[in-house]
PDB file of N, CA and C in Angstrom:
ATOM      1  N   MET A   1       6.333  14.510  13.733  1.00  0.00           N
ATOM      2  CA  MET A   1       6.153  13.823  12.515  1.00  0.00           C
ATOM      3  C   MET A   1       6.928  13.662  11.409  1.00  0.00           C
ATOM      4  N   ASN A   2       7.572  12.364  11.084  1.00  0.00           N
ATOM      5  CA  ASN A   2       8.476  12.234  10.068  1.00  0.00           C
ATOM      6  C   ASN A   2       7.936  12.155   8.768  1.00  0.00           C
ATOM      7  N   GLN A   3       8.829  12.307   7.837  1.00  0.00           N
ATOM      8  CA  GLN A   3       8.004  12.265   6.428  1.00  0.00           C
ATOM      9  C   GLN A   3       7.347  11.635   5.966  1.00  0.00           C
ATOM     10  N   HIS A   4       7.465  10.454   6.376  1.00  0.00           N
ATOM     11  CA  HIS A   4       6.676   9.091   5.912  1.00  0.00           C
ATOM     12  C   HIS A   4       5.964   9.431   6.486  1.00  0.00           C
ATOM     13  N   GLY A   5       5.480   9.553   8.139  1.00  0.00           N
ATOM     14  CA  GLY A   5       4.008   9.389   8.491  1.00  0.00           C
ATOM     15  C   GLY A   5       3.099  10.535   7.858  1.00  0.00           C
ATOM     16  N   ALA A   6       3.992  11.882   7.369  1.00  0.00           N
ATOM     17  CA  ALA A   6       2.884  12.931   6.904  1.00  0.00           C
ATOM     18  C   ALA A   6       2.515  12.325   5.604  1.00  0.00           C
ATOM     19  N   LEU A   7       3.333  11.551   4.873  1.00  0.00           N
ATOM     20  CA  LEU A   7       3.068  10.881   3.287  1.00  0.00           C
ATOM     21  C   LEU A   7       2.118   9.836   3.506  1.00  0.00           C
ATOM     22  N   LEU A   8       1.977   9.153   4.735  1.00  0.00           N
ATOM     23  CA  LEU A   8       1.246   8.136   4.751  1.00  0.00           C
ATOM     24  C   LEU A   8      -0.140   8.843   5.200  1.00  0.00           C
ATOM     25  N   GLU A   9      -0.353   9.877   5.933  1.00  0.00           N
ATOM     26  CA  GLU A   9      -1.591  11.121   6.400  1.00  0.00           C
ATOM     27  C   GLU A   9      -2.170  11.262   5.204  1.00  0.00           C
ATOM     28  N   ASP A  10      -1.254  11.910   4.321  1.00  0.00           N
ATOM     29  CA  ASP A  10      -1.967  12.841   3.272  1.00  0.00           C
ATOM     30  C   ASP A  10      -2.447  11.435   2.013  1.00  0.00           C
ATOM     31  N   LEU A  11      -1.680  10.179   2.302  1.00  0.00           N
ATOM     32  CA  LEU A  11      -2.450   9.241   1.350  1.00  0.00           C
ATOM     33  C   LEU A  11      -3.833   8.607   1.728  1.00  0.00           C
ATOM     34  N   ALA A  12      -3.720   8.671   3.015  1.00  0.00           N
ATOM     35  CA  ALA A  12      -4.699   8.513   4.117  1.00  0.00           C
ATOM     36  C   ALA A  12      -6.106   9.388   3.397  1.00  0.00           C
ATOM     37  N   GLY A  13      -5.615  10.485   3.508  1.00  0.00           N
ATOM     38  CA  GLY A  13      -6.439  11.736   3.626  1.00  0.00           C
ATOM     39  C   GLY A  13      -7.098  11.431   2.079  1.00  0.00           C
ATOM     40  N   GLU A  14      -6.387  11.201   0.853  1.00  0.00           N
ATOM     41  CA  GLU A  14      -6.849  11.218  -0.477  1.00  0.00           C
ATOM     42  C   GLU A  14      -7.084   9.571  -1.113  1.00  0.00           C
ATOM     43  N   LEU A  15      -6.688   9.108  -0.954  1.00  0.00           N
ATOM     44  CA  LEU A  15      -6.824   7.394  -1.306  1.00  0.00           C
ATOM     45  C   LEU A  15      -7.713   6.638  -0.453  1.00  0.00           C
ATOM     46  N   LEU A  16      -7.836   7.127   0.498  1.00  0.00           N
ATOM     47  CA  LEU A  16      -8.808   6.112   1.566  1.00  0.00           C
ATOM     48  C   LEU A  16      -9.962   6.899   2.351  1.00  0.00           C
ATOM     49  N   ARG A  17     -10.336   8.138   1.561  1.00  0.00           N
ATOM     50  CA  ARG A  17     -11.565   8.800   2.337  1.00  0.00           C
ATOM     51  C   ARG A  17     -12.643   8.035   2.169  1.00  0.00           C
ATOM     52  N   GLU A  18     -12.912   6.798   1.252  1.00  0.00           N
ATOM     53  CA  GLU A  18     -14.499   6.118   0.917  1.00  0.00           C
ATOM     54  C   GLU A  18     -14.061   4.961   1.370  1.00  0.00           C
ATOM     55  N   PHE A  19     -13.107   4.630   2.094  1.00  0.00           N
ATOM     56  CA  PHE A  19     -12.918   3.436   3.301  1.00  0.00           C
ATOM     57  C   PHE A  19     -13.457   4.164   4.421  1.00  0.00           C
ATOM     58  N   PRO A  20     -14.008   2.854   5.386  1.00  0.00           N
ATOM     59  CA  PRO A  20     -14.468   3.144   6.726  1.00  0.00           C
ATOM     60  C   PRO A  20     -13.772   2.933   7.502  1.00  0.00           C
ATOM     61  N   GLU A  21     -13.823   3.440   9.015  1.00  0.00           N
ATOM     62  CA  GLU A  21     -12.845   3.735   9.423  1.00  0.00           C
ATOM     63  C   GLU A  21     -11.710   2.664   9.905  1.00  0.00           C
ATOM     64  N   GLU A  22     -12.313   1.281  10.098  1.00  0.00           N
ATOM     65  CA  GLU A  22     -11.787   0.210   9.763  1.00  0.00           C
ATOM     66  C   GLU A  22     -10.691  -0.413   9.148  1.00  0.00           C
ATOM     67  N   GLY A  23     -11.269   0.187   7.869  1.00  0.00           N
ATOM     68  CA  GLY A  23     -10.407   0.153   6.462  1.00  0.00           C
ATOM     69  C   GLY A  23      -9.294   1.037   6.720  1.00  0.00           C
ATOM     70  N   ARG A  24      -9.368   2.146   6.928  1.00  0.00           N
ATOM     71  CA  ARG A  24      -8.464   3.296   6.950  1.00  0.00           C
ATOM     72  C   ARG A  24      -7.378   2.353   7.786  1.00  0.00           C
ATOM     73  N   GLU A  25      -7.902   2.423   8.943  1.00  0.00           N
ATOM     74  CA  GLU A  25      -6.754   1.690  10.029  1.00  0.00           C
ATOM     75  C   GLU A  25      -5.960   0.737   9.116  1.00  0.00           C
ATOM     76  N   ALA A  26      -6.625  -0.281   8.657  1.00  0.00           N
ATOM     77  CA  ALA A  26      -5.974  -1.425   7.905  1.00  0.00           C
ATOM     78  C   ALA A  26      -5.050  -1.307   7.038  1.00  0.00           C
ATOM     79  N   ALA A  27      -5.654   0.143   5.984  1.00  0.00           N
ATOM     80  CA  ALA A  27      -4.405   0.087   5.074  1.00  0.00           C
ATOM     81  C   ALA A  27      -3.519   1.231   5.432  1.00  0.00           C
ATOM     82  N   LEU A  28      -3.551   1.733   6.507  1.00  0.00           N
ATOM     83  CA  LEU A  28      -2.409   2.510   6.938  1.00  0.00           C
ATOM     84  C   LEU A  28      -1.185   1.517   7.558  1.00  0.00           C
ATOM     85  N   THR A  29      -1.889   0.620   8.530  1.00  0.00           N
ATOM     86  CA  THR A  29      -0.975  -0.474   8.929  1.00  0.00           C
ATOM     87  C   THR A  29      -0.075  -1.292   7.698  1.00  0.00           C
ATOM     88  N   LEU A  30      -1.031  -1.379   6.445  1.00  0.00           N
ATOM     89  CA  LEU A  30      -0.749  -2.429   5.667  1.00  0.00           C
ATOM     90  C   LEU A  30       0.577  -1.679   4.786  1.00  0.00           C
ATOM     91  N   LEU A  31       0.370  -0.132   4.993  1.00  0.00           N
ATOM     92  CA  LEU A  31       0.833   0.957   3.946  1.00  0.00           C
ATOM     93  C   LEU A  31       2.415   1.288   4.883  1.00  0.00           C
ATOM     94  N   ARG A  32       2.386   1.123   6.154  1.00  0.00           N
ATOM     95  CA  ARG A  32       3.704   1.172   6.966  1.00  0.00           C
ATOM     96  C   ARG A  32       4.612  -0.375   6.997  1.00  0.00           C
ATOM     97  N   THR A  33       3.650  -1.295   6.945  1.00  0.00           N
ATOM     98  CA  THR A  33       4.719  -2.501   6.731  1.00  0.00           C
ATOM     99  C   THR A  33       5.175  -2.632   5.179  1.00  0.00           C
ATOM    100  N   ILE A  34       4.439  -2.198   4.439  1.00  0.00           N
ATOM    101  CA  ILE A  34       4.951  -2.524   3.162  1.00  0.00           C
ATOM    102  C   ILE A  34       6.319  -1.490   3.214  1.00  0.00           C
ATOM    103  N   ARG A  35       6.137  -0.076   3.486  1.00  0.00           N
ATOM    104  CA  ARG A  35       7.112   0.980   3.583  1.00  0.00           C
ATOM    105  C   ARG A  35       8.781   0.020   4.442  1.00  0.00           C
ATOM    106  N   ASP A  36       8.402  -0.300   5.624  1.00  0.00           N
ATOM    107  CA  ASP A  36       9.127  -0.812   6.480  1.00  0.00           C
ATOM    108  C   ASP A  36       9.912  -2.091   5.783  1.00  0.00           C
ATOM    109  N   ALA A  37       9.278  -3.171   4.511  1.00  0.00           N
ATOM    110  CA  ALA A  37       9.795  -4.226   4.224  1.00  0.00           C
ATOM    111  C   ALA A  37       8.923  -4.308   2.515  1.00  0.00           C
ATOM    112  N   PRO A  38       9.821  -3.837   1.775  1.00  0.00           N
ATOM    113  CA  PRO A  38       8.654  -3.565   0.751  1.00  0.00           C
ATOM    114  C   PRO A  38       9.260  -4.648  -0.193  1.00  0.00           C
ATOM    115  N   TYR A  39      10.187  -5.434   0.107  1.00  0.00           N
ATOM    116  CA  TYR A  39      10.562  -6.810  -0.784  1.00  0.00           C
ATOM    117  C   TYR A  39      10.309  -8.182  -0.403  1.00  0.00           C
ATOM    118  N   ALA A  40       9.455  -7.899   1.038  1.00  0.00           N
ATOM    119  CA  ALA A  40       8.706  -8.862   1.665  1.00  0.00           C
ATOM    120  C   ALA A  40       7.628  -9.597   1.125  1.00  0.00           C
ATOM    121  N   TRP A  41       7.125  -8.931   0.085  1.00  0.00           N
ATOM    122  CA  TRP A  41       5.770  -9.445  -0.465  1.00  0.00           C
ATOM    123  C   TRP A  41       6.026 -10.053  -1.950  1.00  0.00           C
ATOM    124  N   PRO A  42       5.002 -10.841  -2.193  1.00  0.00           N
ATOM    125  CA  PRO A  42       5.391 -11.892  -3.501  1.00  0.00           C
ATOM    126  C   PRO A  42       5.100 -10.875  -4.632  1.00  0.00           C
ATOM    127  N   HIS A  43       5.795 -10.810  -5.841  1.00  0.00           N
ATOM    128  CA  HIS A  43       5.604 -10.224  -7.415  1.00  0.00           C
ATOM    129  C   HIS A  43       3.937 -10.665  -7.501  1.00  0.00           C
ATOM    130  N   ALA A  44       3.559  -9.101  -8.417  1.00  0.00           N
ATOM    131  CA  ALA A  44       2.031  -9.709  -8.291  1.00  0.00           C
ATOM    132  C   ALA A  44       1.482 -10.676  -9.739  1.00  0.00           C
ATOM    133  N   ALA A  45       0.523 -11.828  -9.434  1.00  0.00           N
ATOM    134  CA  ALA A  45       0.853 -12.385 -10.276  1.00  0.00           C
ATOM    135  C   ALA A  45       0.343 -11.964 -12.262  1.00  0.00           C
ATOM    136  N   ASP A  46      -0.218 -11.040 -12.220  1.00  0.00           N
ATOM    137  CA  ASP A  46      -0.988 -10.661 -13.132  1.00  0.00           C
ATOM    138  C   ASP A  46       0.117  -9.409 -13.897  1.00  0.00           C
ATOM    139  N   ALA A  47       1.403  -9.112 -13.399  1.00  0.00           N
ATOM    140  CA  ALA A  47       2.187  -7.884 -13.785  1.00  0.00           C
ATOM    141  C   ALA A  47       2.624  -8.385 -15.045  1.00  0.00           C
ATOM    142  N   ALA A  48       2.259  -7.733 -16.028  1.00  0.00           N
ATOM    143  CA  ALA A  48       2.853  -8.186 -17.341  1.00  0.00           C
ATOM    144  C   ALA A  48       4.114  -7.023 -17.624  1.00  0.00           C
ATOM    145  N   CYS A  49       4.279  -6.331 -16.602  1.00  0.00           N
ATOM    146  CA  CYS A  49       5.720  -4.985 -16.979  1.00  0.00           C
ATOM    147  C   CYS A  49       6.710  -5.734 -16.464  1.00  0.00           C
ATOM    148  N   SER A  50       7.723  -4.939 -17.034  1.00  0.00           N
ATOM    149  CA  SER A  50       9.177  -5.125 -16.124  1.00  0.00           C
ATOM    150  C   SER A  50       9.420  -4.457 -15.132  1.00  0.00           C
ATOM    151  N   GLU A  51       8.471  -3.560 -14.462  1.00  0.00           N
ATOM    152  CA  GLU A  51       8.368  -3.012 -13.083  1.00  0.00           C
ATOM    153  C   GLU A  51       8.348  -4.264 -12.215  1.00  0.00           C
ATOM    154  N   ASP A  52       9.203  -4.007 -10.851  1.00  0.00           N
ATOM    155  CA  ASP A  52       8.763  -4.528  -9.935  1.00  0.00           C
ATOM    156  C   ASP A  52       7.300  -4.831  -9.303  1.00  0.00           C
ATOM    157  N   VAL A  53       6.535  -5.404  -9.593  1.00  0.00           N
ATOM    158  CA  VAL A  53       5.311  -4.862  -9.355  1.00  0.00           C
ATOM    159  C   VAL A  53       4.719  -6.145  -8.088  1.00  0.00           C
ATOM    160  N   ARG A  54       4.656  -5.727  -6.795  1.00  0.00           N
ATOM    161  CA  ARG A  54       3.896  -6.558  -5.824  1.00  0.00           C
ATOM    162  C   ARG A  54       3.006  -6.450  -5.399  1.00  0.00           C
ATOM    163  N   GLU A  55       2.226  -7.454  -4.277  1.00  0.00           N
ATOM    164  CA  GLU A  55       0.823  -7.661  -3.808  1.00  0.00           C
ATOM    165  C   GLU A  55       1.264  -7.860  -2.242  1.00  0.00           C
ATOM    166  N   ALA A  56      -0.144  -7.117  -1.917  1.00  0.00           N
ATOM    167  CA  ALA A  56       0.644  -7.132  -0.034  1.00  0.00           C
ATOM    168  C   ALA A  56      -1.008  -7.057   0.683  1.00  0.00           C
ATOM    169  N   HIS A  57      -1.377  -8.077   1.549  1.00  0.00           N
ATOM    170  CA  HIS A  57      -2.412  -8.232   1.909  1.00  0.00           C
ATOM    171  C   HIS A  57      -2.515  -8.040   3.665  1.00  0.00           C
ATOM    172  N   PHE A  58      -3.647  -7.737   4.135  1.00  0.00           N
ATOM    173  CA  PHE A  58      -3.820  -7.496   5.666  1.00  0.00           C
ATOM    174  C   PHE A  58      -5.351  -7.501   6.110  1.00  0.00           C
ATOM    175  N   GLY A  59      -5.449  -8.763   6.589  1.00  0.00           N
ATOM    176  CA  GLY A  59      -6.674  -8.645   7.228  1.00  0.00           C
ATOM    177  C   GLY A  59      -7.613  -8.875   5.313  1.00  0.00           C
ATOM    178  N   CYS A  60      -8.763  -7.725   5.858  1.00  0.00           N
ATOM    179  CA  CYS A  60      -9.405  -7.566   4.041  1.00  0.00           C
ATOM    180  C   CYS A  60      -8.945  -6.353   3.311  1.00  0.00           C
ATOM    181  N   CYS A  61      -7.899  -5.737   3.234  1.00  0.00           N
ATOM    182  CA  CYS A  61      -6.882  -4.695   2.906  1.00  0.00           C
ATOM    183  C   CYS A  61      -5.885  -5.219   1.721  1.00  0.00           C
ATOM    184  N   TRP A  62      -5.921  -5.078   0.839  1.00  0.00           N
ATOM    185  CA  TRP A  62      -5.110  -5.135  -0.518  1.00  0.00           C
ATOM    186  C   TRP A  62      -4.524  -4.290  -0.848  1.00  0.00           C
ATOM    187  N   MET A  63      -3.063  -4.375  -1.395  1.00  0.00           N
ATOM    188  CA  MET A  63      -2.249  -2.915  -2.154  1.00  0.00           C
ATOM    189  C   MET A  63      -1.748  -3.781  -3.230  1.00  0.00           C
ATOM    190  N   GLN A  64      -1.358  -3.469  -4.516  1.00  0.00           N
ATOM    191  CA  GLN A  64      -0.845  -3.687  -5.288  1.00  0.00           C
ATOM    192  C   GLN A  64       0.528  -2.601  -5.666  1.00  0.00           C
ATOM    193  N   TYR A  65       1.659  -2.529  -5.281  1.00  0.00           N
ATOM    194  CA  TYR A  65       2.584  -1.728  -5.444  1.00  0.00           C
ATOM    195  C   TYR A  65       3.763  -1.435  -6.336  1.00  0.00           C
ATOM    196  N   ALA A  66       4.387  -0.741  -6.937  1.00  0.00           N
ATOM    197  CA  ALA A  66       5.550  -0.915  -7.564  1.00  0.00           C
ATOM    198  C   ALA A  66       6.361   0.135  -6.814  1.00  0.00           C
ATOM    199  N   LEU A  67       7.762  -0.881  -7.259  1.00  0.00           N
ATOM    200  CA  LEU A  67       9.063  -0.078  -6.425  1.00  0.00           C
ATOM    201  C   LEU A  67       9.958   0.096  -7.369  1.00  0.00           C
ATOM    202  N   ARG A  68      10.171   1.778  -7.113  1.00  0.00           N
ATOM    203  CA  ARG A  68      11.069   2.437  -8.511  1.00  0.00           C
ATOM    204  C   ARG A  68      12.345   3.421  -7.700  1.00  0.00           C
ATOM    205  N   SER A  69      13.270   3.232  -7.832  1.00  0.00           N
ATOM    206  CA  SER A  69      14.320   3.706  -7.257  1.00  0.00           C
ATOM    207  C   SER A  69      14.124   4.154  -5.792  1.00  0.00           C
ATOM    208  N   GLU A  70      13.507   2.908  -5.227  1.00  0.00           N
ATOM    209  CA  GLU A  70      13.744   2.988  -3.229  1.00  0.00           C
ATOM    210  C   GLU A  70      12.529   3.309  -3.001  1.00  0.00           C
ATOM    211  N   GLN A  71      11.358   3.979  -4.027  1.00  0.00           N
ATOM    212  CA  GLN A  71      10.311   4.400  -3.534  1.00  0.00           C
ATOM    213  C   GLN A  71       9.200   3.410  -3.687  1.00  0.00           C
ATOM    214  N   VAL A  72       8.150   3.710  -3.033  1.00  0.00           N
ATOM    215  CA  VAL A  72       6.866   2.893  -3.055  1.00  0.00           C
ATOM    216  C   VAL A  72       5.794   3.489  -3.714  1.00  0.00           C
ATOM    217  N   GLU A  73       5.334   3.211  -4.926  1.00  0.00           N
ATOM    218  CA  GLU A  73       4.236   3.401  -5.518  1.00  0.00           C
ATOM    219  C   GLU A  73       2.957   2.721  -5.503  1.00  0.00           C
ATOM    220  N   ILE A  74       2.063   3.071  -4.715  1.00  0.00           N
ATOM    221  CA  ILE A  74       0.855   2.428  -4.707  1.00  0.00           C
ATOM    222  C   ILE A  74       0.260   2.625  -6.121  1.00  0.00           C
ATOM    223  N   LEU A  75      -0.100   1.152  -6.578  1.00  0.00           N
ATOM    224  CA  LEU A  75      -1.102   1.063  -7.984  1.00  0.00           C
ATOM    225  C   LEU A  75      -2.240   0.816  -7.654  1.00  0.00           C
ATOM    226  N   GLU A  76      -2.858  -0.093  -7.065  1.00  0.00           N
ATOM    227  CA  GLU A  76      -3.955  -0.188  -6.644  1.00  0.00           C
ATOM    228  C   GLU A  76      -4.086  -0.877  -5.137  1.00  0.00           C
ATOM    229  N   ILE A  77      -5.666  -0.219  -4.476  1.00  0.00           N
ATOM    230  CA  ILE A  77      -5.521  -0.283  -3.172  1.00  0.00           C
ATOM    231  C   ILE A  77      -7.201  -0.785  -3.135  1.00  0.00           C
ATOM    232  N   GLY A  78      -7.597  -1.805  -2.328  1.00  0.00           N
ATOM    233  CA  GLY A  78      -9.119  -2.047  -1.839  1.00  0.00           C
ATOM    234  C   GLY A  78      -9.376  -2.920  -0.534  1.00  0.00           C
ATOM    235  N   TRP A  79     -10.360  -2.881  -0.493  1.00  0.00           N
ATOM    236  CA  TRP A  79     -10.766  -3.349   0.978  1.00  0.00           C
ATOM    237  C   TRP A  79     -12.351  -4.071   1.037  1.00  0.00           C
ATOM    238  N   LEU A  80     -12.214  -5.008   1.349  1.00  0.00           N
ATOM    239  CA  LEU A  80     -13.128  -6.131   0.999  1.00  0.00           C
ATOM    240  C   LEU A  80     -13.888  -6.251   2.221  1.00  0.00           C
ATOM    241  N   GLY A  81     -14.218  -5.580   3.462  1.00  0.00           N
ATOM    242  CA  GLY A  81     -14.841  -5.563   4.410  1.00  0.00           C
ATOM    243  C   GLY A  81     -16.405  -4.394   4.134  1.00  0.00           C
TER     244      GLY A  81
END
């Protein structure tokens, strides 16, 4: 497993433990998509700071994240299922 895969698994274990299995899978898919194309998602409408904050959606899963020095920092994550 590469470094990104290990980081995704760690994140899944910590942030997504309350999600049902379907929610964890959707969130991991969204994380991989963000990792592969972080600039493809629009800027967050409520981002009042100077950081590059964006929002991504996949099915019933959403994430708000910041781009800092070519790294993705997840700020919020949610599951509507």
